[in-house]
N, C-alpha and C. Protein backbone atom coordinates (compact mmCIF):
# COMPACT_ATOMS: atom_id res chain seq x y z
N MET A 1 119.75 114.62 54.99
CA MET A 1 119.91 114.20 56.17
C MET A 1 118.48 113.84 56.05
N LYS A 2 117.13 114.74 55.47
CA LYS A 2 115.88 113.82 54.72
C LYS A 2 115.56 112.87 54.38
N ARG A 3 117.33 112.91 53.39
CA ARG A 3 116.71 112.02 51.89
C ARG A 3 117.52 110.25 52.48
N LEU A 4 118.70 110.64 53.54
CA LEU A 4 118.89 109.30 54.22
C LEU A 4 117.92 109.00 54.91
N ILE A 5 117.07 109.72 56.01
CA ILE A 5 115.88 109.07 56.55
C ILE A 5 114.60 108.39 56.18
N TYR A 6 114.30 109.02 54.70
CA TYR A 6 113.26 108.80 53.93
C TYR A 6 113.88 107.63 52.91
N GLY A 7 115.16 107.08 52.67
CA GLY A 7 115.78 105.98 52.07
C GLY A 7 115.57 105.01 53.28
N MET A 8 115.98 105.19 54.53
CA MET A 8 115.53 104.00 55.52
C MET A 8 114.64 103.83 55.64
N MET A 9 113.21 104.74 55.57
CA MET A 9 112.17 104.11 55.76
C MET A 9 111.54 103.54 54.49
N VAL A 10 111.90 103.77 53.88
CA VAL A 10 111.23 103.11 52.11
C VAL A 10 112.17 101.57 52.28
N VAL A 11 113.27 101.45 52.83
CA VAL A 11 114.05 99.85 53.12
C VAL A 11 113.32 99.30 54.18
N LEU A 12 112.84 99.92 55.11
CA LEU A 12 112.25 99.29 56.39
C LEU A 12 111.13 98.54 56.08
N ILE A 13 110.14 100.01 54.92
CA ILE A 13 108.84 99.31 54.96
C ILE A 13 109.15 98.19 53.74
N THR A 14 109.28 98.01 53.21
CA THR A 14 110.06 97.17 52.15
C THR A 14 109.96 95.53 52.41
N ALA A 15 111.03 95.44 53.55
CA ALA A 15 111.54 94.82 54.59
C ALA A 15 110.03 94.18 54.71
N ILE A 16 109.37 95.24 55.69
CA ILE A 16 108.40 94.52 56.23
C ILE A 16 107.32 94.14 55.72
N SER A 17 106.81 94.61 54.29
CA SER A 17 106.04 93.97 53.41
C SER A 17 106.46 92.69 52.80
N CYS A 18 107.95 92.42 52.59
CA CYS A 18 108.05 90.71 52.21
C CYS A 18 108.21 90.42 53.66
N GLU A 19 107.76 90.44 54.63
CA GLU A 19 107.86 88.93 55.71
C GLU A 19 106.22 88.99 55.99
N LYS A 20 105.19 90.24 55.42
CA LYS A 20 104.04 89.77 55.61
C LYS A 20 103.85 89.10 54.81
N ASN A 21 104.06 89.53 53.65
CA ASN A 21 103.98 88.60 52.17
C ASN A 21 103.95 87.29 52.42
N ASP A 22 105.09 86.55 53.09
CA ASP A 22 105.76 85.56 53.67
C ASP A 22 104.99 84.97 54.38
N ILE A 23 104.55 85.28 55.25
CA ILE A 23 103.29 85.01 56.45
C ILE A 23 101.87 84.72 55.63
N LYS A 24 101.47 85.71 55.02
CA LYS A 24 100.11 85.52 54.34
C LYS A 24 100.29 84.23 53.18
N GLY A 25 101.58 83.74 52.58
CA GLY A 25 101.28 82.60 51.66
C GLY A 25 101.40 81.87 51.92
N TYR A 26 101.77 81.41 53.44
CA TYR A 26 101.10 79.90 54.18
C TYR A 26 100.40 80.21 55.28
N ASN A 27 99.74 81.04 55.04
CA ASN A 27 98.42 81.48 55.62
C ASN A 27 97.30 81.01 55.02
N GLU A 28 97.45 81.16 53.52
CA GLU A 28 96.31 80.40 52.68
C GLU A 28 95.83 79.14 52.18
N ALA A 29 96.84 78.06 52.77
CA ALA A 29 96.29 76.43 52.49
C ALA A 29 97.33 76.20 53.27
N PRO A 30 96.83 75.15 53.72
CA PRO A 30 97.77 74.26 54.94
C PRO A 30 99.00 73.67 53.96
N ARG A 31 100.01 73.85 54.82
CA ARG A 31 101.19 73.89 54.07
C ARG A 31 101.96 72.63 55.58
N LEU A 32 103.16 72.14 54.87
CA LEU A 32 103.62 71.05 56.25
C LEU A 32 105.30 71.22 55.75
N GLU A 33 106.00 71.14 56.88
CA GLU A 33 107.55 70.89 56.40
C GLU A 33 107.81 70.10 57.85
N PHE A 34 109.36 69.87 58.34
CA PHE A 34 109.94 69.32 59.23
C PHE A 34 110.30 70.31 60.11
N PHE A 35 109.82 69.84 61.29
CA PHE A 35 110.41 70.53 62.34
C PHE A 35 111.83 70.63 62.53
N ASN A 36 112.27 69.39 62.38
CA ASN A 36 113.68 69.40 62.67
C ASN A 36 114.21 68.95 61.33
N THR A 37 115.09 69.03 60.90
CA THR A 37 115.96 69.11 59.49
C THR A 37 117.01 67.31 59.19
N LYS A 38 117.24 67.37 60.95
CA LYS A 38 118.28 65.94 61.40
C LYS A 38 117.24 65.20 62.39
N ALA A 39 117.47 64.19 62.53
CA ALA A 39 117.05 63.10 63.30
C ALA A 39 118.20 61.89 63.44
N GLU A 40 118.29 61.53 64.73
CA GLU A 40 119.08 60.32 64.91
C GLU A 40 118.37 59.10 65.57
N CYS A 41 119.51 57.89 64.97
CA CYS A 41 118.24 56.66 66.07
C CYS A 41 119.64 55.97 66.58
N VAL A 42 119.60 55.60 67.43
CA VAL A 42 121.22 54.72 67.97
C VAL A 42 121.14 53.50 68.70
N PHE A 43 121.54 52.14 67.76
CA PHE A 43 121.24 51.16 68.21
C PHE A 43 122.67 51.25 69.48
N ASP A 44 122.54 50.46 70.63
CA ASP A 44 123.38 50.16 71.83
C ASP A 44 123.51 48.93 72.27
N ASP A 45 124.39 48.47 72.83
CA ASP A 45 124.93 46.88 73.51
C ASP A 45 123.30 46.09 74.07
N ARG A 46 122.69 46.95 74.78
CA ARG A 46 121.28 46.38 75.58
C ARG A 46 120.20 45.76 73.67
N ASP A 47 120.51 46.25 72.94
CA ASP A 47 120.17 46.21 71.56
C ASP A 47 120.76 45.06 70.96
N TYR A 48 121.66 44.85 71.19
CA TYR A 48 122.89 43.93 70.46
C TYR A 48 122.12 42.42 71.33
N ILE A 49 122.44 42.64 73.26
CA ILE A 49 122.45 41.00 73.73
C ILE A 49 120.74 40.77 73.40
N ASN A 50 120.03 41.77 73.34
CA ASN A 50 118.71 41.28 73.09
C ASN A 50 117.94 41.07 71.52
N LYS A 51 119.14 40.99 70.70
CA LYS A 51 118.92 40.55 69.07
C LYS A 51 117.72 41.44 68.76
N VAL A 52 117.91 42.78 69.08
CA VAL A 52 116.62 44.02 68.44
C VAL A 52 117.00 44.53 67.04
N THR A 53 116.28 44.22 65.93
CA THR A 53 116.93 44.43 64.50
C THR A 53 116.05 45.47 64.09
N GLU A 54 115.21 46.46 64.30
CA GLU A 54 114.52 47.36 64.68
C GLU A 54 113.91 48.10 65.81
N ARG A 55 114.11 49.61 65.15
CA ARG A 55 113.67 50.54 66.19
C ARG A 55 112.53 51.55 66.06
N ALA A 56 111.74 52.31 66.80
CA ALA A 56 110.53 53.03 66.33
C ALA A 56 111.23 54.48 66.19
N LEU A 57 111.18 55.19 65.41
CA LEU A 57 111.82 56.76 65.32
C LEU A 57 110.54 57.93 65.20
N GLY A 58 110.70 58.71 65.88
CA GLY A 58 109.74 59.94 65.82
C GLY A 58 110.42 61.07 65.47
N VAL A 59 109.58 61.39 63.95
CA VAL A 59 109.75 62.42 63.09
C VAL A 59 108.68 63.99 63.57
N LYS A 60 109.15 64.99 64.22
CA LYS A 60 108.14 66.24 64.13
C LYS A 60 107.92 66.96 62.83
N VAL A 61 107.15 67.04 62.69
CA VAL A 61 106.31 68.28 61.85
C VAL A 61 105.58 68.95 61.87
N ARG A 62 105.67 70.38 60.77
CA ARG A 62 104.94 71.44 61.22
C ARG A 62 103.71 72.08 60.61
N CYS A 63 102.69 72.28 60.86
CA CYS A 63 101.61 72.54 59.97
C CYS A 63 102.02 74.20 60.09
N LEU A 64 101.97 74.94 58.69
CA LEU A 64 102.19 76.47 58.71
C LEU A 64 100.74 76.97 57.82
N GLY A 65 100.42 77.95 58.35
CA GLY A 65 99.14 78.67 57.84
C GLY A 65 97.97 78.45 59.38
N TYR A 66 97.05 78.74 58.81
CA TYR A 66 95.98 78.59 60.08
C TYR A 66 96.06 76.97 60.75
N ALA A 67 95.36 77.39 61.81
CA ALA A 67 95.91 75.54 62.77
C ALA A 67 94.40 75.42 61.80
N LEU A 68 94.24 73.95 61.71
CA LEU A 68 93.49 72.96 60.83
C LEU A 68 92.06 72.95 61.62
N GLU A 69 91.07 73.05 60.51
CA GLU A 69 89.56 72.63 61.21
C GLU A 69 89.42 71.70 61.02
N LYS A 70 89.45 71.01 60.39
CA LYS A 70 89.41 69.41 60.50
C LYS A 70 90.93 68.45 59.77
N PRO A 71 90.91 67.52 60.35
CA PRO A 71 92.22 66.45 60.23
C PRO A 71 92.18 66.63 58.60
N LEU A 72 93.81 66.37 58.55
CA LEU A 72 94.29 65.84 56.57
C LEU A 72 95.46 65.13 57.19
N ASN A 73 95.52 64.20 56.10
CA ASN A 73 96.35 63.67 56.09
C ASN A 73 97.82 63.59 55.14
N PHE A 74 98.65 63.35 55.58
CA PHE A 74 99.96 63.45 54.86
C PHE A 74 100.93 61.68 54.83
N CYS A 75 102.00 62.40 54.02
CA CYS A 75 102.63 61.10 53.95
C CYS A 75 103.94 61.37 53.57
N LEU A 76 104.91 59.83 53.92
CA LEU A 76 105.98 60.43 53.69
C LEU A 76 106.64 59.16 53.04
N LYS A 77 108.03 59.07 52.87
CA LYS A 77 108.87 58.91 51.89
C LYS A 77 110.66 58.90 52.24
N THR A 78 111.29 57.98 51.44
CA THR A 78 113.02 57.89 51.45
C THR A 78 112.76 58.45 50.34
N VAL A 79 114.24 59.64 49.60
CA VAL A 79 114.44 59.96 49.08
C VAL A 79 114.62 58.64 48.39
N ASP A 80 115.86 57.89 48.59
CA ASP A 80 116.65 56.59 48.51
C ASP A 80 115.63 55.42 48.22
N GLN A 81 114.77 55.42 48.36
CA GLN A 81 113.62 54.08 48.93
C GLN A 81 114.73 52.93 49.91
N MET A 82 115.18 53.33 50.65
CA MET A 82 116.04 52.64 51.29
C MET A 82 115.01 51.57 51.85
N GLU A 83 116.03 50.55 51.91
CA GLU A 83 114.94 48.94 52.27
C GLU A 83 114.90 49.26 54.40
N GLY A 84 113.67 48.82 54.37
CA GLY A 84 114.13 48.72 56.13
C GLY A 84 113.04 49.64 57.02
N VAL A 85 112.82 50.35 56.30
CA VAL A 85 112.56 52.03 56.62
C VAL A 85 111.03 51.90 56.81
N VAL A 86 109.87 51.61 57.88
CA VAL A 86 108.59 51.49 57.40
C VAL A 86 107.84 52.62 57.89
N PHE A 87 106.86 52.73 56.40
CA PHE A 87 105.95 53.77 57.06
C PHE A 87 104.42 53.16 57.62
N ILE A 88 103.65 54.18 58.49
CA ILE A 88 102.35 54.04 57.88
C ILE A 88 101.84 53.97 56.66
N PRO A 89 100.80 53.91 55.44
CA PRO A 89 99.83 54.56 54.38
C PRO A 89 99.67 56.07 54.51
N SER A 90 99.40 56.35 55.89
CA SER A 90 99.04 58.08 55.54
C SER A 90 99.21 58.18 57.10
N TYR A 91 99.45 59.34 57.95
CA TYR A 91 98.97 59.96 59.21
C TYR A 91 98.07 60.87 59.07
N GLU A 92 97.54 60.64 60.15
CA GLU A 92 96.51 62.11 60.14
C GLU A 92 96.95 63.29 61.44
N PHE A 93 97.01 64.86 60.73
CA PHE A 93 97.63 65.82 61.16
C PHE A 93 96.66 66.15 62.02
N PRO A 94 96.37 66.25 63.54
CA PRO A 94 95.16 66.55 64.31
C PRO A 94 94.58 68.07 63.91
N VAL A 95 93.31 68.33 64.12
CA VAL A 95 92.63 69.66 64.64
C VAL A 95 93.37 70.20 65.42
N GLY A 96 93.94 72.04 65.00
CA GLY A 96 94.07 72.47 66.10
C GLY A 96 95.76 72.39 66.48
N ALA A 97 96.05 71.82 65.72
CA ALA A 97 97.82 71.19 66.38
C ALA A 97 98.56 71.98 65.25
N GLU A 98 99.76 72.43 66.04
CA GLU A 98 101.15 73.35 65.44
C GLU A 98 102.25 72.07 64.98
N THR A 99 102.14 71.15 65.28
CA THR A 99 103.06 70.01 65.17
C THR A 99 102.54 68.97 65.53
N PHE A 100 103.00 67.79 64.83
CA PHE A 100 102.78 66.66 65.26
C PHE A 100 103.99 65.64 64.71
N THR A 101 103.99 64.24 65.99
CA THR A 101 105.16 63.56 65.39
C THR A 101 105.04 62.10 64.85
N ALA A 102 105.13 61.84 63.81
CA ALA A 102 105.03 60.79 62.83
C ALA A 102 105.72 59.90 63.10
N GLN A 103 105.25 58.54 63.59
CA GLN A 103 106.36 57.71 64.04
C GLN A 103 106.45 56.33 62.81
N LEU A 104 107.88 55.88 62.53
CA LEU A 104 108.38 55.15 61.75
C LEU A 104 109.02 54.33 61.99
N VAL A 105 109.99 53.28 61.30
CA VAL A 105 109.88 51.67 61.69
C VAL A 105 111.90 51.76 61.23
N VAL A 106 112.72 52.15 61.69
CA VAL A 106 114.18 52.01 60.55
C VAL A 106 114.51 50.72 61.47
N PRO A 107 115.74 49.72 60.30
CA PRO A 107 116.52 48.93 60.55
C PRO A 107 117.57 49.60 61.22
N ARG A 108 118.15 48.02 61.91
CA ARG A 108 119.47 47.98 62.88
C ARG A 108 120.69 47.92 61.57
N PRO A 109 121.72 48.87 61.58
CA PRO A 109 122.83 48.80 60.67
C PRO A 109 123.14 47.08 60.52
N PRO A 110 124.29 46.71 59.63
CA PRO A 110 124.25 45.41 59.62
C PRO A 110 124.77 44.84 60.31
N ARG A 111 126.16 45.64 61.04
CA ARG A 111 127.08 44.85 61.75
C ARG A 111 127.13 46.51 62.64
N VAL A 112 128.10 45.48 63.67
CA VAL A 112 128.05 46.51 65.30
C VAL A 112 129.40 47.84 64.09
N GLY A 113 129.13 48.72 64.86
CA GLY A 113 130.09 50.54 64.25
C GLY A 113 129.87 51.00 62.95
N ALA A 114 128.67 50.34 61.98
CA ALA A 114 128.28 50.54 60.88
C ALA A 114 127.22 51.74 61.26
N GLN A 115 126.93 52.18 59.79
CA GLN A 115 126.07 53.38 60.12
C GLN A 115 125.31 53.38 58.73
N LEU A 116 123.93 53.66 58.88
CA LEU A 116 122.86 53.63 57.83
C LEU A 116 122.54 55.36 57.44
N ASN A 117 122.37 56.03 56.37
CA ASN A 117 122.15 57.56 56.52
C ASN A 117 120.63 57.26 55.22
N THR A 118 119.85 57.97 55.01
CA THR A 118 118.38 58.14 54.16
C THR A 118 117.86 59.62 54.87
N LYS A 119 117.56 59.78 53.66
CA LYS A 119 116.41 61.34 54.14
C LYS A 119 115.25 61.12 53.40
N LEU A 120 114.35 61.67 55.01
CA LEU A 120 112.84 61.73 54.25
C LEU A 120 112.27 63.18 53.84
N THR A 121 110.96 62.68 53.06
CA THR A 121 110.48 63.63 52.53
C THR A 121 109.45 63.63 52.84
N PHE A 122 108.27 64.78 51.93
CA PHE A 122 107.16 64.28 52.01
C PHE A 122 106.84 63.76 50.66
N ASP A 123 105.68 62.88 50.44
CA ASP A 123 104.98 61.82 49.35
C ASP A 123 103.66 62.53 49.17
N ILE A 124 104.24 63.55 48.36
CA ILE A 124 103.37 65.14 47.82
C ILE A 124 102.12 64.44 46.62
N GLU A 125 103.16 63.63 45.71
CA GLU A 125 102.40 61.96 44.47
C GLU A 125 101.94 61.72 44.67
N ASN A 126 101.70 61.21 46.47
CA ASN A 126 101.01 60.59 46.91
C ASN A 126 98.98 60.81 46.97
N ALA A 127 98.54 60.23 46.46
CA ALA A 127 96.77 60.61 46.81
C ALA A 127 96.36 60.93 48.04
N GLU A 128 96.64 60.41 48.66
CA GLU A 128 96.55 60.51 50.34
C GLU A 128 96.81 61.54 50.99
N HIS A 129 98.13 62.33 50.24
CA HIS A 129 99.16 63.54 50.43
C HIS A 129 97.96 64.58 51.05
N GLU A 130 97.56 65.40 51.55
CA GLU A 130 96.68 66.95 51.34
C GLU A 130 97.30 67.54 51.59
N PHE A 131 98.34 68.40 52.09
CA PHE A 131 99.19 69.20 52.22
C PHE A 131 99.87 69.82 51.45
N GLY A 132 100.09 71.11 51.03
CA GLY A 132 100.83 71.73 50.10
C GLY A 132 102.14 71.88 51.03
N GLU A 133 102.60 72.38 49.77
CA GLU A 133 104.63 71.98 50.05
C GLU A 133 104.85 73.57 51.08
N GLY A 134 105.39 73.21 51.74
CA GLY A 134 106.20 74.16 53.02
C GLY A 134 107.56 74.77 52.38
N ARG A 135 108.19 75.32 53.29
CA ARG A 135 109.21 76.12 52.86
C ARG A 135 110.39 75.00 52.17
N VAL A 136 111.30 75.28 51.60
CA VAL A 136 112.01 74.19 50.76
C VAL A 136 113.25 73.65 52.15
N GLU A 137 113.75 74.75 52.27
CA GLU A 137 114.87 74.47 53.43
C GLU A 137 114.42 73.45 54.73
N ASN A 138 112.83 73.35 54.61
CA ASN A 138 112.61 72.24 55.76
C ASN A 138 111.67 70.92 55.41
N SER A 139 112.08 70.84 53.77
CA SER A 139 111.04 69.60 53.26
C SER A 139 111.73 68.41 53.20
N ASP A 140 113.10 68.13 53.59
CA ASP A 140 113.79 67.19 53.90
C ASP A 140 113.93 67.16 55.79
N CYS A 141 114.51 66.00 55.92
CA CYS A 141 114.73 65.32 57.18
C CYS A 141 115.60 64.45 56.93
N GLU A 142 117.11 64.33 57.32
CA GLU A 142 118.34 63.91 57.29
C GLU A 142 118.16 62.60 58.49
N VAL A 143 118.20 61.47 58.46
CA VAL A 143 118.13 60.55 59.60
C VAL A 143 119.33 59.38 59.18
N THR A 144 119.95 59.61 60.53
CA THR A 144 121.37 58.83 60.89
C THR A 144 121.00 57.97 61.90
N ILE A 145 121.38 56.58 61.17
CA ILE A 145 120.70 55.32 62.15
C ILE A 145 121.64 54.85 62.65
N ALA A 146 122.86 54.87 63.96
CA ALA A 146 123.93 53.58 64.03
C ALA A 146 123.97 52.66 65.13
N TYR A 147 124.84 52.26 64.96
CA TYR A 147 124.92 51.07 65.79
C TYR A 147 126.49 50.84 66.52
N THR A 148 126.18 51.77 67.95
CA THR A 148 127.00 51.92 68.91
C THR A 148 127.24 51.21 70.01
N ILE A 149 127.84 50.44 70.59
CA ILE A 149 127.79 49.40 71.84
C ILE A 149 128.49 49.63 72.75
N ARG A 150 130.08 50.68 72.54
CA ARG A 150 131.03 50.62 73.56
C ARG A 150 130.24 51.35 74.71
N PRO A 151 131.03 50.67 76.18
CA PRO A 151 130.41 51.70 77.20
C PRO A 151 131.23 52.89 77.72
N SER A 152 130.49 53.85 77.83
CA SER A 152 131.00 55.05 78.61
C SER A 152 132.34 55.17 79.10
N ASP A 153 132.12 53.92 80.37
CA ASP A 153 132.68 53.67 81.41
C ASP A 153 133.50 52.51 81.72
N TRP A 154 133.84 52.29 80.29
CA TRP A 154 134.99 50.89 80.01
C TRP A 154 136.11 51.27 80.84
N ASP A 155 136.49 49.94 81.73
CA ASP A 155 137.18 50.01 82.55
C ASP A 155 138.77 49.56 81.67
N GLU A 156 139.81 50.31 81.20
CA GLU A 156 140.99 49.42 80.55
C GLU A 156 141.83 49.08 81.64
N ARG A 157 142.05 49.01 82.93
CA ARG A 157 143.46 48.35 83.96
C ARG A 157 142.39 46.83 83.79
N LEU A 158 140.84 47.01 83.96
CA LEU A 158 140.43 45.72 84.26
C LEU A 158 140.81 44.97 83.00
N TRP A 159 139.99 45.36 82.02
CA TRP A 159 139.90 44.75 80.78
C TRP A 159 140.58 44.44 79.56
N GLY A 160 141.09 45.80 79.38
CA GLY A 160 142.34 45.72 78.59
C GLY A 160 141.50 46.57 77.53
N ILE A 161 142.38 46.84 76.75
CA ILE A 161 141.87 47.71 75.59
C ILE A 161 140.44 47.53 74.53
N TYR A 162 139.81 48.22 74.72
CA TYR A 162 138.12 47.96 74.16
C TYR A 162 138.42 47.67 72.96
N SER A 163 137.47 46.58 72.53
CA SER A 163 137.50 46.30 71.04
C SER A 163 135.90 46.06 71.26
N ASN A 164 135.27 46.22 70.05
CA ASN A 164 133.85 45.79 69.56
C ASN A 164 133.32 44.05 69.80
N ASN A 165 134.85 43.36 69.64
CA ASN A 165 134.80 41.97 69.35
C ASN A 165 135.15 41.20 70.62
N LYS A 166 136.09 42.10 71.53
CA LYS A 166 135.81 41.73 72.71
C LYS A 166 134.60 41.73 73.54
N TYR A 167 134.52 43.34 73.57
CA TYR A 167 132.79 43.21 73.82
C TYR A 167 132.15 42.41 74.09
N MET A 168 131.79 42.34 72.66
CA MET A 168 130.80 41.19 71.79
C MET A 168 130.60 39.42 72.55
N PHE A 169 132.18 39.34 72.70
CA PHE A 169 132.36 37.57 73.02
C PHE A 169 131.93 38.27 74.48
N MET A 170 132.04 38.85 74.75
CA MET A 170 131.96 38.94 76.55
C MET A 170 130.51 38.65 76.74
N MET A 171 129.38 39.50 75.67
CA MET A 171 128.04 40.07 75.99
C MET A 171 127.25 38.48 75.49
N ASP A 172 128.17 37.45 74.54
CA ASP A 172 127.56 36.24 74.63
C ASP A 172 127.71 35.66 75.40
N ASN A 173 129.01 35.81 76.09
CA ASN A 173 129.58 34.24 76.96
C ASN A 173 128.77 34.38 78.48
N LEU A 174 128.39 35.76 78.76
CA LEU A 174 128.09 36.28 79.87
C LEU A 174 126.83 36.53 80.10
N GLY A 175 125.72 36.95 78.87
CA GLY A 175 124.34 36.81 78.38
C GLY A 175 123.91 37.96 79.50
N LYS A 176 124.90 39.58 79.86
CA LYS A 176 124.63 40.92 80.25
C LYS A 176 125.18 41.53 79.67
N ILE A 177 124.75 42.66 79.54
CA ILE A 177 125.87 43.65 79.38
C ILE A 177 127.15 44.87 80.01
N TYR A 178 127.25 45.68 79.82
CA TYR A 178 128.41 46.34 80.43
C TYR A 178 128.03 46.39 81.79
N ALA A 179 127.26 47.68 82.04
CA ALA A 179 126.71 47.92 82.68
C ALA A 179 126.16 46.83 83.89
N GLU A 180 125.74 45.94 83.78
CA GLU A 180 125.37 44.64 84.27
C GLU A 180 126.24 43.81 84.85
N THR A 181 127.36 44.25 84.94
CA THR A 181 128.58 43.17 84.77
C THR A 181 129.17 43.33 85.85
N GLU A 182 128.91 42.07 86.48
CA GLU A 182 130.31 42.25 88.10
C GLU A 182 132.20 43.22 87.76
N GLN A 183 131.88 44.06 87.86
CA GLN A 183 133.52 44.44 87.74
C GLN A 183 134.49 44.10 88.87
N THR A 184 134.84 42.80 88.59
CA THR A 184 135.98 42.35 89.31
C THR A 184 137.30 40.95 88.56
N LYS A 185 138.13 41.03 88.34
CA LYS A 185 138.87 40.10 88.10
C LYS A 185 138.87 38.62 88.26
N GLU A 186 137.45 38.20 89.18
CA GLU A 186 137.02 36.53 88.95
C GLU A 186 136.30 37.02 87.52
N VAL A 187 135.31 37.97 87.61
CA VAL A 187 134.59 37.80 85.82
C VAL A 187 135.51 37.98 84.93
N ARG A 188 136.32 38.83 85.06
CA ARG A 188 137.28 39.02 83.59
C ARG A 188 137.97 38.06 83.66
N ASP A 189 138.80 36.69 84.49
CA ASP A 189 139.24 35.85 84.22
C ASP A 189 138.10 34.33 84.00
N GLU A 190 137.15 34.58 84.09
CA GLU A 190 136.00 33.49 83.47
C GLU A 190 135.99 33.64 82.18
N VAL A 191 135.54 35.21 81.69
CA VAL A 191 135.62 35.50 80.37
C VAL A 191 136.56 34.85 79.28
N SER A 192 138.41 35.05 80.19
CA SER A 192 139.21 35.06 79.51
C SER A 192 139.95 33.71 78.89
N ALA A 193 139.12 33.12 80.12
CA ALA A 193 139.13 31.17 80.00
C ALA A 193 138.21 30.82 79.04
N LYS A 194 137.07 31.68 78.73
CA LYS A 194 136.61 30.50 77.64
C LYS A 194 136.45 31.36 76.48
N TYR A 195 137.34 32.48 76.43
CA TYR A 195 137.88 33.05 75.36
C TYR A 195 139.40 31.80 74.82
N GLU A 196 139.55 31.11 75.79
CA GLU A 196 141.52 30.35 75.20
C GLU A 196 139.93 29.32 74.97
N ALA A 197 138.92 28.54 75.67
CA ALA A 197 138.24 27.58 75.41
C ALA A 197 138.15 27.27 74.10
N TYR A 198 137.45 29.00 73.65
CA TYR A 198 136.72 29.09 72.18
C TYR A 198 137.83 28.73 71.46
N LYS A 199 138.96 29.35 71.58
CA LYS A 199 140.36 29.08 70.07
C LYS A 199 140.77 27.64 70.27
N LYS A 200 140.53 27.03 71.48
CA LYS A 200 141.32 25.38 71.18
C LYS A 200 139.85 24.48 70.72
N ALA A 201 138.44 25.46 70.63
CA ALA A 201 137.64 24.88 70.00
C ALA A 201 138.00 24.63 68.57
N GLY A 202 138.58 25.30 67.91
CA GLY A 202 139.06 25.61 66.56
C GLY A 202 138.21 27.16 65.90
N ASN A 203 138.38 27.56 66.85
CA ASN A 203 137.20 28.69 66.94
C ASN A 203 138.60 29.71 65.93
N PRO A 204 138.34 30.65 65.28
CA PRO A 204 139.27 31.92 64.63
C PRO A 204 139.63 32.58 65.74
N PRO A 205 140.89 33.14 65.86
CA PRO A 205 140.63 33.97 66.98
C PRO A 205 139.94 35.78 66.78
N LEU A 206 139.54 36.22 67.96
CA LEU A 206 139.26 37.24 67.49
C LEU A 206 139.89 38.64 67.32
N MET A 207 139.85 39.12 66.99
CA MET A 207 140.77 40.53 66.36
C MET A 207 140.57 41.88 66.77
N ASP A 208 141.58 42.71 66.87
CA ASP A 208 140.89 44.41 67.12
C ASP A 208 140.59 44.96 66.37
N ASP A 209 139.73 45.46 66.07
CA ASP A 209 138.43 46.76 65.40
C ASP A 209 139.54 47.50 64.73
N GLU A 210 140.14 48.69 65.49
CA GLU A 210 141.17 49.22 64.71
C GLU A 210 142.71 49.25 64.35
N ASN A 211 143.15 47.76 65.11
CA ASN A 211 144.13 46.85 64.34
C ASN A 211 143.82 45.76 64.01
N PRO A 212 143.12 45.46 63.21
CA PRO A 212 143.00 44.14 62.74
C PRO A 212 144.05 43.12 62.97
N GLN A 213 145.41 43.22 62.73
CA GLN A 213 146.47 42.47 63.00
C GLN A 213 146.76 42.55 64.37
N ASN A 214 146.16 42.98 65.11
CA ASN A 214 146.31 42.69 66.51
C ASN A 214 145.47 41.68 67.09
N GLU A 215 145.54 40.57 68.04
CA GLU A 215 143.92 39.55 68.28
C GLU A 215 144.00 40.35 69.72
N ILE A 216 142.26 40.43 70.21
CA ILE A 216 142.39 40.82 71.26
C ILE A 216 142.84 39.81 72.49
N VAL A 217 143.25 41.39 73.66
CA VAL A 217 144.17 40.29 74.71
C VAL A 217 143.47 40.49 76.23
N PHE A 218 143.06 39.97 76.88
CA PHE A 218 142.76 40.19 78.32
C PHE A 218 144.03 40.04 79.35
N PRO A 219 143.83 41.26 80.12
CA PRO A 219 145.10 41.54 81.31
C PRO A 219 144.78 39.76 81.87
N LYS A 220 146.42 39.55 82.81
CA LYS A 220 146.59 38.03 83.54
C LYS A 220 146.26 38.52 84.74
N ASP A 221 146.63 39.84 84.92
CA ASP A 221 146.88 40.36 86.63
C ASP A 221 145.60 40.19 87.37
């Protein structure tokens, strides 16, 4: 029994020592890691109608070790050198702070329904980067950029089966998003008439997203 207790104490002391050593390592010099390893930016229908092609995205980073006694700079980059992602040359981590949110600019995906993916990391090779490396598991941040316009409360009885092409035609002709559109048969019939005029002018029919062989349809009742 004594041997068992002694063995458990050795294991416990060893575990505590490892934990202390791990913390001590991060107390030696300022190191930086991502607070969250995933970030998301979503472009929506309002961005579509306002022709917004880029948006700001905040990414939080965390300083490991003692609080800074003077500001230090850090630099970010994308692993795949993705075009359209804009950083400032260097960010200044403030004195005494544990976390800081770096602002960058991300591009809108090329079309509605598309998604862009990239990965952020610290540009430790940049001469302006003044931090050591943090924990490996938090050294990158996966960024997802989506372009989704579908309204959550789409009325299928009034407008028919939803499709991005149908909704984009509505916005282009009404000049407003779904949430600002009067949900009446009169407005629907107005859009439907404009769609028929659009085709009579020689323009190609608009097809459904999920079933490209089917043309979009506005209910007649």
